[in-house]
N, C-alpha and C. Protein backbone atom coordinates (compact mmCIF):
# COMPACT_ATOMS: atom_id res chain seq x y z
N MET A 1 3.96 16.12 11.49
CA MET A 1 3.66 15.08 10.56
C MET A 1 3.12 13.85 11.36
N GLY A 2 2.11 13.32 10.79
CA GLY A 2 1.52 12.13 11.40
C GLY A 2 2.29 10.80 11.11
N ALA A 3 1.92 9.73 11.80
CA ALA A 3 2.56 8.51 11.60
C ALA A 3 2.39 7.92 10.17
N PHE A 4 1.27 8.17 9.57
CA PHE A 4 0.99 7.68 8.19
C PHE A 4 1.95 8.39 7.21
N GLU A 5 2.01 9.68 7.34
CA GLU A 5 2.86 10.49 6.43
C GLU A 5 4.34 10.13 6.64
N ASP A 6 4.69 9.92 7.89
CA ASP A 6 6.06 9.62 8.28
C ASP A 6 6.48 8.24 7.65
N ALA A 7 5.51 7.29 7.75
CA ALA A 7 5.76 5.95 7.19
C ALA A 7 5.91 6.01 5.69
N ALA A 8 5.09 6.91 5.02
CA ALA A 8 5.14 7.01 3.58
C ALA A 8 6.55 7.65 3.15
N ALA A 9 7.08 8.45 4.03
CA ALA A 9 8.50 9.05 3.73
C ALA A 9 9.54 7.98 4.00
N ARG A 10 9.39 7.23 5.10
CA ARG A 10 10.44 6.24 5.47
C ARG A 10 10.53 5.12 4.47
N VAL A 11 9.45 4.69 3.89
CA VAL A 11 9.40 3.57 2.95
C VAL A 11 10.21 3.85 1.70
N LYS A 12 10.35 5.06 1.37
CA LYS A 12 11.11 5.48 0.22
C LYS A 12 12.62 5.36 0.41
N ASN A 13 13.02 5.10 1.65
CA ASN A 13 14.50 5.09 1.94
C ASN A 13 14.92 3.71 2.36
N LEU A 14 14.16 2.70 1.98
CA LEU A 14 14.58 1.34 2.28
C LEU A 14 15.87 0.93 1.55
N LYS A 15 16.74 0.20 2.23
CA LYS A 15 18.00 -0.16 1.62
C LYS A 15 17.88 -1.27 0.62
N LYS A 16 16.85 -2.14 0.88
CA LYS A 16 16.55 -3.25 -0.07
C LYS A 16 15.04 -3.05 -0.56
N SER A 17 14.85 -3.56 -1.74
CA SER A 17 13.44 -3.52 -2.28
C SER A 17 12.56 -4.54 -1.73
N PRO A 18 11.36 -4.15 -1.36
CA PRO A 18 10.38 -5.19 -0.91
C PRO A 18 9.98 -6.08 -2.04
N SER A 19 9.42 -7.25 -1.73
CA SER A 19 8.94 -8.17 -2.75
C SER A 19 7.73 -7.51 -3.50
N ASN A 20 7.34 -8.12 -4.65
CA ASN A 20 6.24 -7.58 -5.37
C ASN A 20 4.97 -7.63 -4.50
N ASP A 21 4.75 -8.77 -3.76
CA ASP A 21 3.56 -8.87 -2.94
C ASP A 21 3.57 -7.76 -1.91
N GLU A 22 4.69 -7.44 -1.28
CA GLU A 22 4.82 -6.42 -0.27
C GLU A 22 4.60 -5.06 -0.93
N LEU A 23 5.13 -4.82 -2.11
CA LEU A 23 4.91 -3.56 -2.81
C LEU A 23 3.35 -3.35 -3.09
N LEU A 24 2.65 -4.46 -3.55
CA LEU A 24 1.29 -4.35 -3.75
C LEU A 24 0.45 -4.08 -2.48
N LYS A 25 0.87 -4.71 -1.42
CA LYS A 25 0.23 -4.46 -0.13
C LYS A 25 0.41 -3.07 0.32
N LEU A 26 1.65 -2.56 0.18
CA LEU A 26 1.87 -1.17 0.53
C LEU A 26 1.03 -0.22 -0.33
N TYR A 27 0.96 -0.47 -1.60
CA TYR A 27 0.21 0.38 -2.46
C TYR A 27 -1.36 0.34 -2.01
N ALA A 28 -1.78 -0.81 -1.86
CA ALA A 28 -3.25 -0.99 -1.49
C ALA A 28 -3.54 -0.30 -0.22
N LEU A 29 -2.72 -0.43 0.82
CA LEU A 29 -3.02 0.16 2.17
C LEU A 29 -2.81 1.63 2.05
N TYR A 30 -1.84 2.14 1.30
CA TYR A 30 -1.63 3.58 1.15
C TYR A 30 -2.82 4.23 0.52
N LYS A 31 -3.25 3.60 -0.60
CA LYS A 31 -4.44 4.16 -1.32
C LYS A 31 -5.71 4.13 -0.51
N GLN A 32 -5.91 2.96 0.20
CA GLN A 32 -7.13 2.93 1.06
C GLN A 32 -7.04 3.91 2.16
N GLY A 33 -5.89 4.10 2.72
CA GLY A 33 -5.67 5.03 3.82
C GLY A 33 -5.70 6.50 3.49
N SER A 34 -5.44 6.76 2.12
CA SER A 34 -5.46 8.13 1.69
C SER A 34 -6.69 8.49 0.93
N ALA A 35 -7.23 7.57 0.12
CA ALA A 35 -8.33 7.90 -0.82
C ALA A 35 -9.60 7.09 -0.53
N GLY A 36 -9.51 6.10 0.30
CA GLY A 36 -10.72 5.34 0.60
C GLY A 36 -10.87 4.19 -0.45
N ASP A 37 -12.10 3.69 -0.61
CA ASP A 37 -12.34 2.55 -1.48
C ASP A 37 -11.94 2.80 -2.95
N VAL A 38 -11.54 1.76 -3.59
CA VAL A 38 -11.11 1.84 -5.02
C VAL A 38 -12.31 2.29 -5.81
N THR A 39 -12.08 3.04 -6.90
CA THR A 39 -13.06 3.48 -7.82
C THR A 39 -12.63 3.23 -9.28
N GLY A 40 -13.53 3.34 -10.16
CA GLY A 40 -13.21 3.19 -11.55
C GLY A 40 -13.30 1.70 -11.95
N SER A 41 -13.02 1.43 -13.20
CA SER A 41 -13.18 0.09 -13.79
C SER A 41 -11.79 -0.65 -13.68
N ARG A 42 -11.80 -1.94 -13.67
CA ARG A 42 -10.67 -2.70 -13.53
C ARG A 42 -9.91 -2.66 -14.89
N PRO A 43 -8.62 -2.42 -14.90
CA PRO A 43 -7.80 -2.32 -16.11
C PRO A 43 -7.90 -3.66 -16.92
N GLY A 44 -7.66 -3.56 -18.19
CA GLY A 44 -7.71 -4.76 -19.11
C GLY A 44 -6.67 -5.78 -18.71
N ALA A 45 -6.88 -7.02 -19.31
CA ALA A 45 -5.98 -8.19 -18.94
C ALA A 45 -4.63 -7.94 -19.39
N PHE A 46 -4.34 -7.11 -20.40
CA PHE A 46 -2.99 -6.96 -20.91
C PHE A 46 -2.21 -5.83 -20.15
N ASN A 47 -2.87 -5.14 -19.32
CA ASN A 47 -2.28 -4.10 -18.51
C ASN A 47 -2.01 -4.69 -17.14
N PHE A 48 -1.00 -5.64 -17.07
CA PHE A 48 -0.73 -6.43 -15.89
C PHE A 48 -0.48 -5.64 -14.66
N LYS A 49 0.42 -4.62 -14.71
CA LYS A 49 0.76 -3.91 -13.54
C LYS A 49 -0.37 -3.13 -12.91
N GLU A 50 -1.11 -2.42 -13.82
CA GLU A 50 -2.19 -1.57 -13.28
C GLU A 50 -3.31 -2.52 -12.78
N ARG A 51 -3.54 -3.61 -13.41
CA ARG A 51 -4.55 -4.56 -13.01
C ARG A 51 -4.20 -5.16 -11.63
N ALA A 52 -2.92 -5.52 -11.39
CA ALA A 52 -2.57 -6.05 -10.12
C ALA A 52 -2.69 -4.97 -9.00
N LYS A 53 -2.32 -3.76 -9.31
CA LYS A 53 -2.54 -2.69 -8.32
C LYS A 53 -3.97 -2.42 -8.02
N TYR A 54 -4.83 -2.46 -9.02
CA TYR A 54 -6.23 -2.33 -8.82
C TYR A 54 -6.80 -3.41 -7.93
N ASP A 55 -6.43 -4.66 -8.27
CA ASP A 55 -6.90 -5.87 -7.55
C ASP A 55 -6.41 -5.81 -6.10
N ALA A 56 -5.16 -5.36 -5.87
CA ALA A 56 -4.70 -5.25 -4.48
C ALA A 56 -5.50 -4.25 -3.71
N TRP A 57 -5.77 -3.11 -4.28
CA TRP A 57 -6.54 -2.02 -3.62
C TRP A 57 -7.94 -2.55 -3.44
N ALA A 58 -8.56 -3.23 -4.44
CA ALA A 58 -9.94 -3.72 -4.29
C ALA A 58 -9.95 -4.77 -3.12
N GLY A 59 -8.88 -5.48 -2.85
CA GLY A 59 -8.80 -6.49 -1.75
C GLY A 59 -8.92 -5.83 -0.40
N VAL A 60 -8.76 -4.60 -0.25
CA VAL A 60 -8.85 -3.97 1.01
C VAL A 60 -10.14 -3.05 1.08
N LYS A 61 -10.92 -3.16 0.09
CA LYS A 61 -12.16 -2.36 0.05
C LYS A 61 -12.96 -2.58 1.33
N GLY A 62 -13.50 -1.50 1.81
CA GLY A 62 -14.27 -1.54 3.05
C GLY A 62 -13.51 -1.32 4.35
N THR A 63 -12.15 -1.33 4.23
CA THR A 63 -11.33 -1.04 5.38
C THR A 63 -11.42 0.38 5.70
N ALA A 64 -11.67 0.72 6.92
CA ALA A 64 -11.76 2.14 7.36
C ALA A 64 -10.33 2.81 7.10
N LYS A 65 -10.35 4.04 6.74
CA LYS A 65 -9.13 4.79 6.50
C LYS A 65 -8.15 4.73 7.66
N ASP A 66 -8.67 4.88 8.87
CA ASP A 66 -7.79 4.82 10.06
C ASP A 66 -7.17 3.41 10.18
N ASP A 67 -7.95 2.35 9.93
CA ASP A 67 -7.41 0.96 9.99
C ASP A 67 -6.36 0.74 8.91
N ALA A 68 -6.71 1.24 7.73
CA ALA A 68 -5.70 1.04 6.62
C ALA A 68 -4.35 1.78 6.98
N GLN A 69 -4.55 2.98 7.46
CA GLN A 69 -3.32 3.77 7.86
C GLN A 69 -2.53 3.05 8.92
N ALA A 70 -3.16 2.47 9.92
CA ALA A 70 -2.47 1.79 11.01
C ALA A 70 -1.81 0.51 10.44
N LYS A 71 -2.43 -0.19 9.53
CA LYS A 71 -1.84 -1.37 8.88
C LYS A 71 -0.65 -1.00 7.99
N TYR A 72 -0.72 0.15 7.31
CA TYR A 72 0.36 0.62 6.48
C TYR A 72 1.57 0.91 7.34
N VAL A 73 1.39 1.66 8.41
CA VAL A 73 2.43 2.05 9.31
C VAL A 73 3.06 0.76 9.88
N ALA A 74 2.27 -0.23 10.26
CA ALA A 74 2.88 -1.50 10.82
C ALA A 74 3.64 -2.18 9.79
N LEU A 75 3.16 -2.23 8.50
CA LEU A 75 3.92 -2.93 7.42
C LEU A 75 5.18 -2.15 7.19
N VAL A 76 5.17 -0.85 7.12
CA VAL A 76 6.39 -0.09 6.91
C VAL A 76 7.40 -0.31 8.05
N ASP A 77 6.94 -0.36 9.31
CA ASP A 77 7.81 -0.61 10.43
C ASP A 77 8.45 -2.00 10.26
N ASP A 78 7.68 -3.04 9.77
CA ASP A 78 8.24 -4.37 9.57
C ASP A 78 9.31 -4.35 8.51
N LEU A 79 8.99 -3.72 7.38
CA LEU A 79 9.92 -3.63 6.29
C LEU A 79 11.19 -2.88 6.64
N VAL A 80 11.07 -1.81 7.36
CA VAL A 80 12.27 -1.09 7.81
C VAL A 80 13.17 -1.96 8.67
N SER A 81 12.48 -2.76 9.56
CA SER A 81 13.35 -3.61 10.44
C SER A 81 13.96 -4.76 9.73
N ARG A 82 13.36 -5.27 8.65
CA ARG A 82 13.84 -6.33 7.87
C ARG A 82 14.75 -5.96 6.78
N LEU A 83 14.46 -4.84 6.06
CA LEU A 83 15.16 -4.44 4.84
C LEU A 83 16.04 -3.19 5.04
N GLY A 84 16.02 -2.60 6.19
CA GLY A 84 16.83 -1.46 6.41
C GLY A 84 16.15 -0.21 6.05
């Protein structure tokens, strides 16, 4: 198992929940690292959660998959050290 997949498994076992901003960053880096640039249209204004996730992913558009994976692993390492 690679570091990216290992981090994805470890983040599910945090003792405390990350903040909403951290969750969005995790989502964006995971999606960028696994699927590449965001596709599709931006969700409507009343679909707050999906719109926030889309915007977070769009915010890392253009980041190479390897870079996104490395940033994701670093973020998970930080969260594990702070939140258990």
